[in-house]
Amino acid sequence: MENRIKLLMVDDEAQICELMESHFTRRGYVVFSANSGKQAIDLTKANSPQIMLLDKRMPEMDGIQTLEAIRQFNQDLKVIMISADELDPETESKIKGLNVAGYLHKPVIITDLDILVEKVTL
């Protein structure tokens, strides 16, 4: 397990987390899921994942706020932000400043996600 890549899936919709967890586990990743920003921060501290798939729009603490908190203690985490929202210039500027490795629109095409995850693991 030590050599396997750890991936953290963060989405307030439990079904999406379950689907992604199943998908990436079958591909050999060690997968953790979080349904809130707070949970994502705690799991990142406890498990040091290499990749995070992060929903931008969540209640209480959105994806950007979550990533801002994580960047205070982890600069190396590769983050792919996922959202149904279009990427406006202000948001694009924010996520670039937070070193986001990629951005995908919902509904996510799983092959596009696989390609992006593979790209950030290289």
PDB file of N, CA and C in Angstrom:
ATOM      1  N   MET A   1       0.818  -1.195   0.000  1.00  0.00           N
ATOM      2  CA  MET A   1       0.000   0.000   0.000  1.00  0.00           C
ATOM      3  C   MET A   1       0.860   1.256   0.000  1.00  0.00           C
ATOM      4  N   GLU A   2       2.077   1.175   0.530  1.00  0.00           N
ATOM      5  CA  GLU A   2       2.923   2.357   0.623  1.00  0.00           C
ATOM      6  C   GLU A   2       3.242   2.953  -0.735  1.00  0.00           C
ATOM      7  N   ASN A   3       3.342   2.135  -1.785  1.00  0.00           N
ATOM      8  CA  ASN A   3       3.699   2.626  -3.107  1.00  0.00           C
ATOM      9  C   ASN A   3       2.484   3.079  -3.916  1.00  0.00           C
ATOM     10  N   ARG A   4       1.308   2.788  -3.433  1.00  0.00           N
ATOM     11  CA  ARG A   4       0.110   3.177  -4.166  1.00  0.00           C
ATOM     12  C   ARG A   4      -0.195   4.650  -3.927  1.00  0.00           C
ATOM     13  N   ILE A   5      -0.699   5.304  -4.961  1.00  0.00           N
ATOM     14  CA  ILE A   5      -1.028   6.725  -4.871  1.00  0.00           C
ATOM     15  C   ILE A   5      -2.315   6.895  -4.072  1.00  0.00           C
ATOM     16  N   LYS A   6      -2.277   7.851  -3.136  1.00  0.00           N
ATOM     17  CA  LYS A   6      -3.445   8.149  -2.308  1.00  0.00           C
ATOM     18  C   LYS A   6      -4.212   9.314  -2.926  1.00  0.00           C
ATOM     19  N   LEU A   7      -5.514   9.107  -3.078  1.00  0.00           N
ATOM     20  CA  LEU A   7      -6.394  10.085  -3.701  1.00  0.00           C
ATOM     21  C   LEU A   7      -7.523  10.424  -2.734  1.00  0.00           C
ATOM     22  N   LEU A   8      -7.787  11.703  -2.569  1.00  0.00           N
ATOM     23  CA  LEU A   8      -8.884  12.168  -1.717  1.00  0.00           C
ATOM     24  C   LEU A   8      -9.970  12.757  -2.591  1.00  0.00           C
ATOM     25  N   MET A   9     -11.163  12.191  -2.509  1.00  0.00           N
ATOM     26  CA  MET A   9     -12.333  12.678  -3.242  1.00  0.00           C
ATOM     27  C   MET A   9     -13.161  13.519  -2.295  1.00  0.00           C
ATOM     28  N   VAL A  10     -13.428  14.790  -2.668  1.00  0.00           N
ATOM     29  CA  VAL A  10     -14.178  15.699  -1.804  1.00  0.00           C
ATOM     30  C   VAL A  10     -15.394  16.229  -2.558  1.00  0.00           C
ATOM     31  N   ASP A  11     -16.567  15.841  -2.099  1.00  0.00           N
ATOM     32  CA  ASP A  11     -17.819  16.305  -2.693  1.00  0.00           C
ATOM     33  C   ASP A  11     -18.912  16.161  -1.641  1.00  0.00           C
ATOM     34  N   ASP A  12     -19.790  17.152  -1.553  1.00  0.00           N
ATOM     35  CA  ASP A  12     -20.869  17.077  -0.567  1.00  0.00           C
ATOM     36  C   ASP A  12     -21.939  16.059  -0.960  1.00  0.00           C
ATOM     37  N   GLU A  13     -21.885  15.557  -2.185  1.00  0.00           N
ATOM     38  CA  GLU A  13     -22.820  14.515  -2.617  1.00  0.00           C
ATOM     39  C   GLU A  13     -22.167  13.151  -2.402  1.00  0.00           C
ATOM     40  N   ALA A  14     -22.673  12.419  -1.421  1.00  0.00           N
ATOM     41  CA  ALA A  14     -22.081  11.124  -1.046  1.00  0.00           C
ATOM     42  C   ALA A  14     -22.045  10.147  -2.215  1.00  0.00           C
ATOM     43  N   GLN A  15     -23.056  10.178  -3.077  1.00  0.00           N
ATOM     44  CA  GLN A  15     -23.096   9.252  -4.213  1.00  0.00           C
ATOM     45  C   GLN A  15     -21.922   9.469  -5.158  1.00  0.00           C
ATOM     46  N   ILE A  16     -21.563  10.721  -5.380  1.00  0.00           N
ATOM     47  CA  ILE A  16     -20.423  11.011  -6.253  1.00  0.00           C
ATOM     48  C   ILE A  16     -19.150  10.480  -5.622  1.00  0.00           C
ATOM     49  N   CYS A  17     -18.984  10.690  -4.327  1.00  0.00           N
ATOM     50  CA  CYS A  17     -17.809  10.157  -3.630  1.00  0.00           C
ATOM     51  C   CYS A  17     -17.744   8.648  -3.757  1.00  0.00           C
ATOM     52  N   GLU A  18     -18.865   7.980  -3.566  1.00  0.00           N
ATOM     53  CA  GLU A  18     -18.899   6.522  -3.649  1.00  0.00           C
ATOM     54  C   GLU A  18     -18.527   6.033  -5.046  1.00  0.00           C
ATOM     55  N   LEU A  19     -19.067   6.681  -6.076  1.00  0.00           N
ATOM     56  CA  LEU A  19     -18.752   6.292  -7.452  1.00  0.00           C
ATOM     57  C   LEU A  19     -17.273   6.485  -7.760  1.00  0.00           C
ATOM     58  N   MET A  20     -16.735   7.629  -7.367  1.00  0.00           N
ATOM     59  CA  MET A  20     -15.325   7.912  -7.630  1.00  0.00           C
ATOM     60  C   MET A  20     -14.414   7.003  -6.812  1.00  0.00           C
ATOM     61  N   GLU A  21     -14.812   6.732  -5.576  1.00  0.00           N
ATOM     62  CA  GLU A  21     -14.026   5.834  -4.732  1.00  0.00           C
ATOM     63  C   GLU A  21     -13.940   4.455  -5.375  1.00  0.00           C
ATOM     64  N   SER A  22     -15.072   3.953  -5.830  1.00  0.00           N
ATOM     65  CA  SER A  22     -15.104   2.651  -6.486  1.00  0.00           C
ATOM     66  C   SER A  22     -14.263   2.662  -7.765  1.00  0.00           C
ATOM     67  N   HIS A  23     -14.423   3.685  -8.569  1.00  0.00           N
ATOM     68  CA  HIS A  23     -13.706   3.807  -9.841  1.00  0.00           C
ATOM     69  C   HIS A  23     -12.186   3.809  -9.637  1.00  0.00           C
ATOM     70  N   PHE A  24     -11.713   4.672  -8.740  1.00  0.00           N
ATOM     71  CA  PHE A  24     -10.270   4.803  -8.565  1.00  0.00           C
ATOM     72  C   PHE A  24      -9.668   3.661  -7.736  1.00  0.00           C
ATOM     73  N   THR A  25     -10.436   3.047  -6.866  1.00  0.00           N
ATOM     74  CA  THR A  25      -9.953   1.872  -6.141  1.00  0.00           C
ATOM     75  C   THR A  25      -9.680   0.741  -7.130  1.00  0.00           C
ATOM     76  N   ARG A  26     -10.589   0.553  -8.097  1.00  0.00           N
ATOM     77  CA  ARG A  26     -10.391  -0.471  -9.127  1.00  0.00           C
ATOM     78  C   ARG A  26      -9.138  -0.205  -9.955  1.00  0.00           C
ATOM     79  N   ARG A  27      -8.719   1.019 -10.025  1.00  0.00           N
ATOM     80  CA  ARG A  27      -7.529   1.390 -10.793  1.00  0.00           C
ATOM     81  C   ARG A  27      -6.259   1.385  -9.939  1.00  0.00           C
ATOM     82  N   GLY A  28      -6.372   0.933  -8.698  1.00  0.00           N
ATOM     83  CA  GLY A  28      -5.195   0.739  -7.868  1.00  0.00           C
ATOM     84  C   GLY A  28      -4.835   1.872  -6.924  1.00  0.00           C
ATOM     85  N   TYR A  29      -5.671   2.890  -6.855  1.00  0.00           N
ATOM     86  CA  TYR A  29      -5.420   3.997  -5.927  1.00  0.00           C
ATOM     87  C   TYR A  29      -5.950   3.650  -4.541  1.00  0.00           C
ATOM     88  N   VAL A  30      -5.348   4.250  -3.530  1.00  0.00           N
ATOM     89  CA  VAL A  30      -5.901   4.207  -2.181  1.00  0.00           C
ATOM     90  C   VAL A  30      -6.785   5.443  -2.095  1.00  0.00           C
ATOM     91  N   VAL A  31      -8.085   5.247  -1.861  1.00  0.00           N
ATOM     92  CA  VAL A  31      -9.029   6.361  -1.957  1.00  0.00           C
ATOM     93  C   VAL A  31      -9.681   6.657  -0.612  1.00  0.00           C
ATOM     94  N   PHE A  32      -9.713   7.940  -0.296  1.00  0.00           N
ATOM     95  CA  PHE A  32     -10.419   8.454   0.875  1.00  0.00           C
ATOM     96  C   PHE A  32     -11.500   9.390   0.358  1.00  0.00           C
ATOM     97  N   SER A  33     -12.597   9.511   1.100  1.00  0.00           N
ATOM     98  CA  SER A  33     -13.679  10.409   0.694  1.00  0.00           C
ATOM     99  C   SER A  33     -14.038  11.346   1.826  1.00  0.00           C
ATOM    100  N   ALA A  34     -14.374  12.575   1.439  1.00  0.00           N
ATOM    101  CA  ALA A  34     -14.836  13.577   2.391  1.00  0.00           C
ATOM    102  C   ALA A  34     -16.067  14.249   1.817  1.00  0.00           C
ATOM    103  N   ASN A  35     -17.037  14.531   2.686  1.00  0.00           N
ATOM    104  CA  ASN A  35     -18.265  15.183   2.252  1.00  0.00           C
ATOM    105  C   ASN A  35     -18.342  16.646   2.671  1.00  0.00           C
ATOM    106  N   SER A  36     -17.235  17.178   3.200  1.00  0.00           N
ATOM    107  CA  SER A  36     -17.204  18.584   3.605  1.00  0.00           C
ATOM    108  C   SER A  36     -15.762  19.085   3.568  1.00  0.00           C
ATOM    109  N   GLY A  37     -15.617  20.396   3.551  1.00  0.00           N
ATOM    110  CA  GLY A  37     -14.292  20.986   3.577  1.00  0.00           C
ATOM    111  C   GLY A  37     -13.535  20.627   4.831  1.00  0.00           C
ATOM    112  N   LYS A  38     -14.196  20.684   5.965  1.00  0.00           N
ATOM    113  CA  LYS A  38     -13.561  20.363   7.258  1.00  0.00           C
ATOM    114  C   LYS A  38     -13.046  18.924   7.248  1.00  0.00           C
ATOM    115  N   GLN A  39     -13.879  18.019   6.779  1.00  0.00           N
ATOM    116  CA  GLN A  39     -13.484  16.612   6.703  1.00  0.00           C
ATOM    117  C   GLN A  39     -12.286  16.447   5.754  1.00  0.00           C
ATOM    118  N   ALA A  40     -12.269  17.189   4.654  1.00  0.00           N
ATOM    119  CA  ALA A  40     -11.160  17.126   3.695  1.00  0.00           C
ATOM    120  C   ALA A  40      -9.854  17.581   4.341  1.00  0.00           C
ATOM    121  N   ILE A  41      -9.923  18.657   5.113  1.00  0.00           N
ATOM    122  CA  ILE A  41      -8.738  19.171   5.799  1.00  0.00           C
ATOM    123  C   ILE A  41      -8.206  18.119   6.776  1.00  0.00           C
ATOM    124  N   ASP A  42      -9.116  17.542   7.568  1.00  0.00           N
ATOM    125  CA  ASP A  42      -8.715  16.519   8.541  1.00  0.00           C
ATOM    126  C   ASP A  42      -8.100  15.294   7.859  1.00  0.00           C
ATOM    127  N   LEU A  43      -8.719  14.829   6.773  1.00  0.00           N
ATOM    128  CA  LEU A  43      -8.204  13.653   6.059  1.00  0.00           C
ATOM    129  C   LEU A  43      -6.868  13.950   5.383  1.00  0.00           C
ATOM    130  N   THR A  44      -6.694  15.172   4.907  1.00  0.00           N
ATOM    131  CA  THR A  44      -5.416  15.547   4.291  1.00  0.00           C
ATOM    132  C   THR A  44      -4.307  15.529   5.342  1.00  0.00           C
ATOM    133  N   LYS A  45      -4.591  16.073   6.517  1.00  0.00           N
ATOM    134  CA  LYS A  45      -3.593  16.058   7.597  1.00  0.00           C
ATOM    135  C   LYS A  45      -3.268  14.630   8.024  1.00  0.00           C
ATOM    136  N   ALA A  46      -4.274  13.783   8.124  1.00  0.00           N
ATOM    137  CA  ALA A  46      -4.090  12.423   8.640  1.00  0.00           C
ATOM    138  C   ALA A  46      -3.470  11.465   7.627  1.00  0.00           C
ATOM    139  N   ASN A  47      -3.746  11.663   6.324  1.00  0.00           N
ATOM    140  CA  ASN A  47      -3.373  10.654   5.330  1.00  0.00           C
ATOM    141  C   ASN A  47      -2.405  11.116   4.246  1.00  0.00           C
ATOM    142  N   SER A  48      -2.141  12.397   4.158  1.00  0.00           N
ATOM    143  CA  SER A  48      -1.221  12.956   3.153  1.00  0.00           C
ATOM    144  C   SER A  48      -1.451  12.412   1.741  1.00  0.00           C
ATOM    145  N   PRO A  49      -2.648  12.617   1.192  1.00  0.00           N
ATOM    146  CA  PRO A  49      -2.878  12.146  -0.179  1.00  0.00           C
ATOM    147  C   PRO A  49      -2.014  12.932  -1.165  1.00  0.00           C
ATOM    148  N   GLN A  50      -1.731  12.321  -2.309  1.00  0.00           N
ATOM    149  CA  GLN A  50      -0.976  13.006  -3.356  1.00  0.00           C
ATOM    150  C   GLN A  50      -1.897  13.776  -4.293  1.00  0.00           C
ATOM    151  N   ILE A  51      -3.153  13.310  -4.423  1.00  0.00           N
ATOM    152  CA  ILE A  51      -4.113  13.912  -5.354  1.00  0.00           C
ATOM    153  C   ILE A  51      -5.426  14.163  -4.627  1.00  0.00           C
ATOM    154  N   MET A  52      -6.042  15.305  -4.931  1.00  0.00           N
ATOM    155  CA  MET A  52      -7.378  15.592  -4.410  1.00  0.00           C
ATOM    156  C   MET A  52      -8.280  16.001  -5.562  1.00  0.00           C
ATOM    157  N   LEU A  53      -9.446  15.375  -5.618  1.00  0.00           N
ATOM    158  CA  LEU A  53     -10.513  15.787  -6.531  1.00  0.00           C
ATOM    159  C   LEU A  53     -11.476  16.581  -5.670  1.00  0.00           C
ATOM    160  N   LEU A  54     -11.622  17.864  -5.951  1.00  0.00           N
ATOM    161  CA  LEU A  54     -12.294  18.785  -5.041  1.00  0.00           C
ATOM    162  C   LEU A  54     -13.459  19.499  -5.711  1.00  0.00           C
ATOM    163  N   ASP A  55     -14.649  19.289  -5.178  1.00  0.00           N
ATOM    164  CA  ASP A  55     -15.834  19.988  -5.661  1.00  0.00           C
ATOM    165  C   ASP A  55     -15.731  21.460  -5.256  1.00  0.00           C
ATOM    166  N   LYS A  56     -16.009  22.344  -6.172  1.00  0.00           N
ATOM    167  CA  LYS A  56     -15.900  23.771  -5.882  1.00  0.00           C
ATOM    168  C   LYS A  56     -17.060  24.271  -5.033  1.00  0.00           C
ATOM    169  N   ARG A  57     -18.260  23.796  -5.328  1.00  0.00           N
ATOM    170  CA  ARG A  57     -19.436  24.311  -4.630  1.00  0.00           C
ATOM    171  C   ARG A  57     -19.923  23.311  -3.581  1.00  0.00           C
ATOM    172  N   MET A  58     -19.683  23.666  -2.309  1.00  0.00           N
ATOM    173  CA  MET A  58     -20.148  22.857  -1.183  1.00  0.00           C
ATOM    174  C   MET A  58     -20.692  23.809  -0.123  1.00  0.00           C
ATOM    175  N   PRO A  59     -21.631  23.332   0.706  1.00  0.00           N
ATOM    176  CA  PRO A  59     -22.148  24.200   1.772  1.00  0.00           C
ATOM    177  C   PRO A  59     -21.100  24.422   2.864  1.00  0.00           C
ATOM    178  N   GLU A  60     -21.279  25.442   3.633  1.00  0.00           N
ATOM    179  CA  GLU A  60     -20.427  25.816   4.770  1.00  0.00           C
ATOM    180  C   GLU A  60     -19.041  26.281   4.335  1.00  0.00           C
ATOM    181  N   MET A  61     -18.248  25.400   3.760  1.00  0.00           N
ATOM    182  CA  MET A  61     -16.897  25.742   3.310  1.00  0.00           C
ATOM    183  C   MET A  61     -16.762  25.243   1.870  1.00  0.00           C
ATOM    184  N   ASP A  62     -16.632  26.182   0.918  1.00  0.00           N
ATOM    185  CA  ASP A  62     -16.559  25.741  -0.477  1.00  0.00           C
ATOM    186  C   ASP A  62     -15.164  25.208  -0.807  1.00  0.00           C
ATOM    187  N   GLY A  63     -15.001  24.747  -2.027  1.00  0.00           N
ATOM    188  CA  GLY A  63     -13.737  24.142  -2.425  1.00  0.00           C
ATOM    189  C   GLY A  63     -12.555  25.095  -2.354  1.00  0.00           C
ATOM    190  N   ILE A  64     -12.782  26.347  -2.716  1.00  0.00           N
ATOM    191  CA  ILE A  64     -11.686  27.321  -2.667  1.00  0.00           C
ATOM    192  C   ILE A  64     -11.270  27.590  -1.230  1.00  0.00           C
ATOM    193  N   GLN A  65     -12.224  27.760  -0.342  1.00  0.00           N
ATOM    194  CA  GLN A  65     -11.903  27.973   1.073  1.00  0.00           C
ATOM    195  C   GLN A  65     -11.187  26.755   1.655  1.00  0.00           C
ATOM    196  N   THR A  66     -11.640  25.581   1.260  1.00  0.00           N
ATOM    197  CA  THR A  66     -11.009  24.340   1.714  1.00  0.00           C
ATOM    198  C   THR A  66      -9.557  24.291   1.260  1.00  0.00           C
ATOM    199  N   LEU A  67      -9.343  24.591  -0.007  1.00  0.00           N
ATOM    200  CA  LEU A  67      -7.983  24.542  -0.537  1.00  0.00           C
ATOM    201  C   LEU A  67      -7.098  25.627   0.078  1.00  0.00           C
ATOM    202  N   GLU A  68      -7.645  26.803   0.340  1.00  0.00           N
ATOM    203  CA  GLU A  68      -6.866  27.851   1.011  1.00  0.00           C
ATOM    204  C   GLU A  68      -6.364  27.356   2.367  1.00  0.00           C
ATOM    205  N   ALA A  69      -7.228  26.660   3.097  1.00  0.00           N
ATOM    206  CA  ALA A  69      -6.833  26.118   4.405  1.00  0.00           C
ATOM    207  C   ALA A  69      -5.771  25.027   4.251  1.00  0.00           C
ATOM    208  N   ILE A  70      -5.926  24.162   3.271  1.00  0.00           N
ATOM    209  CA  ILE A  70      -4.973  23.068   3.055  1.00  0.00           C
ATOM    210  C   ILE A  70      -3.615  23.600   2.606  1.00  0.00           C
ATOM    211  N   ARG A  71      -3.619  24.628   1.782  1.00  0.00           N
ATOM    212  CA  ARG A  71      -2.352  25.194   1.293  1.00  0.00           C
ATOM    213  C   ARG A  71      -1.521  25.801   2.426  1.00  0.00           C
ATOM    214  N   GLN A  72      -2.123  26.080   3.564  1.00  0.00           N
ATOM    215  CA  GLN A  72      -1.366  26.589   4.706  1.00  0.00           C
ATOM    216  C   GLN A  72      -0.413  25.538   5.271  1.00  0.00           C
ATOM    217  N   PHE A  73      -0.731  24.251   5.044  1.00  0.00           N
ATOM    218  CA  PHE A  73       0.143  23.196   5.569  1.00  0.00           C
ATOM    219  C   PHE A  73       0.589  22.184   4.514  1.00  0.00           C
ATOM    220  N   ASN A  74       0.069  22.266   3.295  1.00  0.00           N
ATOM    221  CA  ASN A  74       0.454  21.319   2.255  1.00  0.00           C
ATOM    222  C   ASN A  74       0.466  22.028   0.900  1.00  0.00           C
ATOM    223  N   GLN A  75       1.671  22.271   0.393  1.00  0.00           N
ATOM    224  CA  GLN A  75       1.821  22.929  -0.910  1.00  0.00           C
ATOM    225  C   GLN A  75       1.956  21.925  -2.062  1.00  0.00           C
ATOM    226  N   ASP A  76       2.202  20.664  -1.742  1.00  0.00           N
ATOM    227  CA  ASP A  76       2.519  19.668  -2.762  1.00  0.00           C
ATOM    228  C   ASP A  76       1.313  18.909  -3.308  1.00  0.00           C
ATOM    229  N   LEU A  77       0.200  18.950  -2.620  1.00  0.00           N
ATOM    230  CA  LEU A  77      -0.987  18.207  -3.025  1.00  0.00           C
ATOM    231  C   LEU A  77      -1.440  18.654  -4.415  1.00  0.00           C
ATOM    232  N   LYS A  78      -1.608  17.693  -5.314  1.00  0.00           N
ATOM    233  CA  LYS A  78      -2.110  17.969  -6.664  1.00  0.00           C
ATOM    234  C   LYS A  78      -3.632  18.013  -6.591  1.00  0.00           C
ATOM    235  N   VAL A  79      -4.211  19.130  -6.991  1.00  0.00           N
ATOM    236  CA  VAL A  79      -5.649  19.322  -6.846  1.00  0.00           C
ATOM    237  C   VAL A  79      -6.307  19.497  -8.206  1.00  0.00           C
ATOM    238  N   ILE A  80      -7.365  18.726  -8.419  1.00  0.00           N
ATOM    239  CA  ILE A  80      -8.215  18.882  -9.594  1.00  0.00           C
ATOM    240  C   ILE A  80      -9.558  19.360  -9.068  1.00  0.00           C
ATOM    241  N   MET A  81      -9.937  20.562  -9.462  1.00  0.00           N
ATOM    242  CA  MET A  81     -11.205  21.132  -9.011  1.00  0.00           C
ATOM    243  C   MET A  81     -12.295  20.740  -9.999  1.00  0.00           C
ATOM    244  N   ILE A  82     -13.453  20.391  -9.452  1.00  0.00           N
ATOM    245  CA  ILE A  82     -14.586  19.951 -10.261  1.00  0.00           C
ATOM    246  C   ILE A  82     -15.786  20.807  -9.894  1.00  0.00           C
ATOM    247  N   SER A  83     -16.502  21.299 -10.920  1.00  0.00           N
ATOM    248  CA  SER A  83     -17.651  22.141 -10.626  1.00  0.00           C
ATOM    249  C   SER A  83     -18.614  22.190 -11.799  1.00  0.00           C
ATOM    250  N   ALA A  84     -19.870  22.417 -11.472  1.00  0.00           N
ATOM    251  CA  ALA A  84     -20.877  22.653 -12.502  1.00  0.00           C
ATOM    252  C   ALA A  84     -20.823  24.103 -12.968  1.00  0.00           C
ATOM    253  N   ASP A  85     -20.155  24.959 -12.200  1.00  0.00           N
ATOM    254  CA  ASP A  85     -20.062  26.382 -12.519  1.00  0.00           C
ATOM    255  C   ASP A  85     -19.058  26.630 -13.633  1.00  0.00           C
ATOM    256  N   GLU A  86     -19.338  27.657 -14.422  1.00  0.00           N
ATOM    257  CA  GLU A  86     -18.358  28.120 -15.395  1.00  0.00           C
ATOM    258  C   GLU A  86     -17.233  28.810 -14.638  1.00  0.00           C
ATOM    259  N   LEU A  87     -16.074  28.817 -15.206  1.00  0.00           N
ATOM    260  CA  LEU A  87     -14.904  29.410 -14.569  1.00  0.00           C
ATOM    261  C   LEU A  87     -14.818  30.890 -14.943  1.00  0.00           C
ATOM    262  N   ASP A  88     -15.235  31.768 -14.022  1.00  0.00           N
ATOM    263  CA  ASP A  88     -15.160  33.206 -14.273  1.00  0.00           C
ATOM    264  C   ASP A  88     -13.729  33.686 -14.015  1.00  0.00           C
ATOM    265  N   PRO A  89     -13.358  34.868 -14.524  1.00  0.00           N
ATOM    266  CA  PRO A  89     -11.976  35.349 -14.381  1.00  0.00           C
ATOM    267  C   PRO A  89     -11.495  35.456 -12.925  1.00  0.00           C
ATOM    268  N   GLU A  90     -12.357  35.882 -12.019  1.00  0.00           N
ATOM    269  CA  GLU A  90     -11.957  36.008 -10.615  1.00  0.00           C
ATOM    270  C   GLU A  90     -11.638  34.639 -10.010  1.00  0.00           C
ATOM    271  N   THR A  91     -12.508  33.665 -10.273  1.00  0.00           N
ATOM    272  CA  THR A  91     -12.289  32.312  -9.765  1.00  0.00           C
ATOM    273  C   THR A  91     -11.046  31.701 -10.400  1.00  0.00           C
ATOM    274  N   GLU A  92     -10.878  31.915 -11.689  1.00  0.00           N
ATOM    275  CA  GLU A  92      -9.704  31.390 -12.387  1.00  0.00           C
ATOM    276  C   GLU A  92      -8.419  31.948 -11.766  1.00  0.00           C
ATOM    277  N   SER A  93      -8.409  33.222 -11.451  1.00  0.00           N
ATOM    278  CA  SER A  93      -7.253  33.846 -10.819  1.00  0.00           C
ATOM    279  C   SER A  93      -6.984  33.244  -9.439  1.00  0.00           C
ATOM    280  N   LYS A  94      -8.064  33.029  -8.668  1.00  0.00           N
ATOM    281  CA  LYS A  94      -7.925  32.442  -7.328  1.00  0.00           C
ATOM    282  C   LYS A  94      -7.335  31.038  -7.382  1.00  0.00           C
ATOM    283  N   ILE A  95      -7.877  30.205  -8.272  1.00  0.00           N
ATOM    284  CA  ILE A  95      -7.405  28.819  -8.301  1.00  0.00           C
ATOM    285  C   ILE A  95      -5.984  28.718  -8.856  1.00  0.00           C
ATOM    286  N   LYS A  96      -5.609  29.627  -9.761  1.00  0.00           N
ATOM    287  CA  LYS A  96      -4.219  29.636 -10.230  1.00  0.00           C
ATOM    288  C   LYS A  96      -3.289  29.965  -9.069  1.00  0.00           C
ATOM    289  N   GLY A  97      -3.697  30.914  -8.235  1.00  0.00           N
ATOM    290  CA  GLY A  97      -2.899  31.285  -7.075  1.00  0.00           C
ATOM    291  C   GLY A  97      -2.793  30.167  -6.048  1.00  0.00           C
ATOM    292  N   LEU A  98      -3.745  29.238  -6.096  1.00  0.00           N
ATOM    293  CA  LEU A  98      -3.741  28.102  -5.174  1.00  0.00           C
ATOM    294  C   LEU A  98      -3.102  26.858  -5.808  1.00  0.00           C
ATOM    295  N   ASN A  99      -2.521  27.042  -6.989  1.00  0.00           N
ATOM    296  CA  ASN A  99      -1.800  25.980  -7.670  1.00  0.00           C
ATOM    297  C   ASN A  99      -2.691  24.758  -7.955  1.00  0.00           C
ATOM    298  N   VAL A 100      -3.840  25.015  -8.559  1.00  0.00           N
ATOM    299  CA  VAL A 100      -4.743  23.934  -8.961  1.00  0.00           C
ATOM    300  C   VAL A 100      -4.219  23.327 -10.255  1.00  0.00           C
ATOM    301  N   ALA A 101      -4.097  22.006 -10.282  1.00  0.00           N
ATOM    302  CA  ALA A 101      -3.513  21.307 -11.423  1.00  0.00           C
ATOM    303  C   ALA A 101      -4.474  21.159 -12.596  1.00  0.00           C
ATOM    304  N   GLY A 102      -5.784  21.229 -12.322  1.00  0.00           N
ATOM    305  CA  GLY A 102      -6.762  21.075 -13.389  1.00  0.00           C
ATOM    306  C   GLY A 102      -8.146  21.442 -12.921  1.00  0.00           C
ATOM    307  N   TYR A 103      -9.034  21.666 -13.887  1.00  0.00           N
ATOM    308  CA  TYR A 103     -10.409  22.063 -13.595  1.00  0.00           C
ATOM    309  C   TYR A 103     -11.316  21.339 -14.577  1.00  0.00           C
ATOM    310  N   LEU A 104     -12.299  20.623 -14.064  1.00  0.00           N
ATOM    311  CA  LEU A 104     -13.251  19.910 -14.915  1.00  0.00           C
ATOM    312  C   LEU A 104     -14.670  20.351 -14.580  1.00  0.00           C
ATOM    313  N   HIS A 105     -15.512  20.390 -15.617  1.00  0.00           N
ATOM    314  CA  HIS A 105     -16.916  20.754 -15.444  1.00  0.00           C
ATOM    315  C   HIS A 105     -17.759  19.509 -15.234  1.00  0.00           C
ATOM    316  N   LYS A 106     -18.756  19.627 -14.343  1.00  0.00           N
ATOM    317  CA  LYS A 106     -19.747  18.565 -14.181  1.00  0.00           C
ATOM    318  C   LYS A 106     -20.782  18.718 -15.285  1.00  0.00           C
ATOM    319  N   PRO A 107     -21.336  17.658 -15.779  1.00  0.00           N
ATOM    320  CA  PRO A 107     -21.018  16.279 -15.414  1.00  0.00           C
ATOM    321  C   PRO A 107     -19.651  15.880 -15.973  1.00  0.00           C
ATOM    322  N   VAL A 108     -18.882  15.205 -15.145  1.00  0.00           N
ATOM    323  CA  VAL A 108     -17.526  14.819 -15.505  1.00  0.00           C
ATOM    324  C   VAL A 108     -17.563  13.597 -16.416  1.00  0.00           C
ATOM    325  N   ILE A 109     -16.804  13.683 -17.484  1.00  0.00           N
ATOM    326  CA  ILE A 109     -16.601  12.521 -18.354  1.00  0.00           C
ATOM    327  C   ILE A 109     -15.435  11.750 -17.750  1.00  0.00           C
ATOM    328  N   ILE A 110     -15.702  10.526 -17.350  1.00  0.00           N
ATOM    329  CA  ILE A 110     -14.746   9.764 -16.555  1.00  0.00           C
ATOM    330  C   ILE A 110     -13.408   9.564 -17.277  1.00  0.00           C
ATOM    331  N   THR A 111     -13.440   9.411 -18.592  1.00  0.00           N
ATOM    332  CA  THR A 111     -12.169   9.249 -19.314  1.00  0.00           C
ATOM    333  C   THR A 111     -11.341  10.532 -19.247  1.00  0.00           C
ATOM    334  N   ASP A 112     -11.996  11.699 -19.295  1.00  0.00           N
ATOM    335  CA  ASP A 112     -11.274  12.971 -19.145  1.00  0.00           C
ATOM    336  C   ASP A 112     -10.647  13.066 -17.758  1.00  0.00           C
ATOM    337  N   LEU A 113     -11.393  12.633 -16.747  1.00  0.00           N
ATOM    338  CA  LEU A 113     -10.877  12.660 -15.380  1.00  0.00           C
ATOM    339  C   LEU A 113      -9.694  11.705 -15.242  1.00  0.00           C
ATOM    340  N   ASP A 114      -9.803  10.513 -15.796  1.00  0.00           N
ATOM    341  CA  ASP A 114      -8.700   9.544 -15.755  1.00  0.00           C
ATOM    342  C   ASP A 114      -7.433  10.120 -16.381  1.00  0.00           C
ATOM    343  N   ILE A 115      -7.592  10.773 -17.519  1.00  0.00           N
ATOM    344  CA  ILE A 115      -6.441  11.357 -18.231  1.00  0.00           C
ATOM    345  C   ILE A 115      -5.803  12.445 -17.373  1.00  0.00           C
ATOM    346  N   LEU A 116      -6.625  13.302 -16.760  1.00  0.00           N
ATOM    347  CA  LEU A 116      -6.100  14.384 -15.935  1.00  0.00           C
ATOM    348  C   LEU A 116      -5.426  13.863 -14.668  1.00  0.00           C
ATOM    349  N   VAL A 117      -6.021  12.871 -14.033  1.00  0.00           N
ATOM    350  CA  VAL A 117      -5.422  12.277 -12.832  1.00  0.00           C
ATOM    351  C   VAL A 117      -4.079  11.633 -13.192  1.00  0.00           C
ATOM    352  N   GLU A 118      -4.051  10.920 -14.302  1.00  0.00           N
ATOM    353  CA  GLU A 118      -2.801  10.286 -14.730  1.00  0.00           C
ATOM    354  C   GLU A 118      -1.730  11.353 -15.013  1.00  0.00           C
ATOM    355  N   LYS A 119      -2.150  12.440 -15.640  1.00  0.00           N
ATOM    356  CA  LYS A 119      -1.215  13.534 -15.979  1.00  0.00           C
ATOM    357  C   LYS A 119      -0.603  14.159 -14.717  1.00  0.00           C
ATOM    358  N   VAL A 120      -1.407  14.372 -13.686  1.00  0.00           N
ATOM    359  CA  VAL A 120      -0.873  15.026 -12.476  1.00  0.00           C
ATOM    360  C   VAL A 120      -0.030  14.072 -11.624  1.00  0.00           C
ATOM    361  N   THR A 121      -0.138  12.765 -11.864  1.00  0.00           N
ATOM    362  CA  THR A 121       0.660  11.816 -11.084  1.00  0.00           C
ATOM    363  C   THR A 121       2.068  11.659 -11.655  1.00  0.00           C
ATOM    364  N   LEU A 122       2.283  12.132 -12.869  1.00  0.00           N
ATOM    365  CA  LEU A 122       3.606  11.991 -13.506  1.00  0.00           C
ATOM    366  C   LEU A 122       4.616  12.931 -12.893  1.00  0.00           C
TER     367      LEU A 122
END
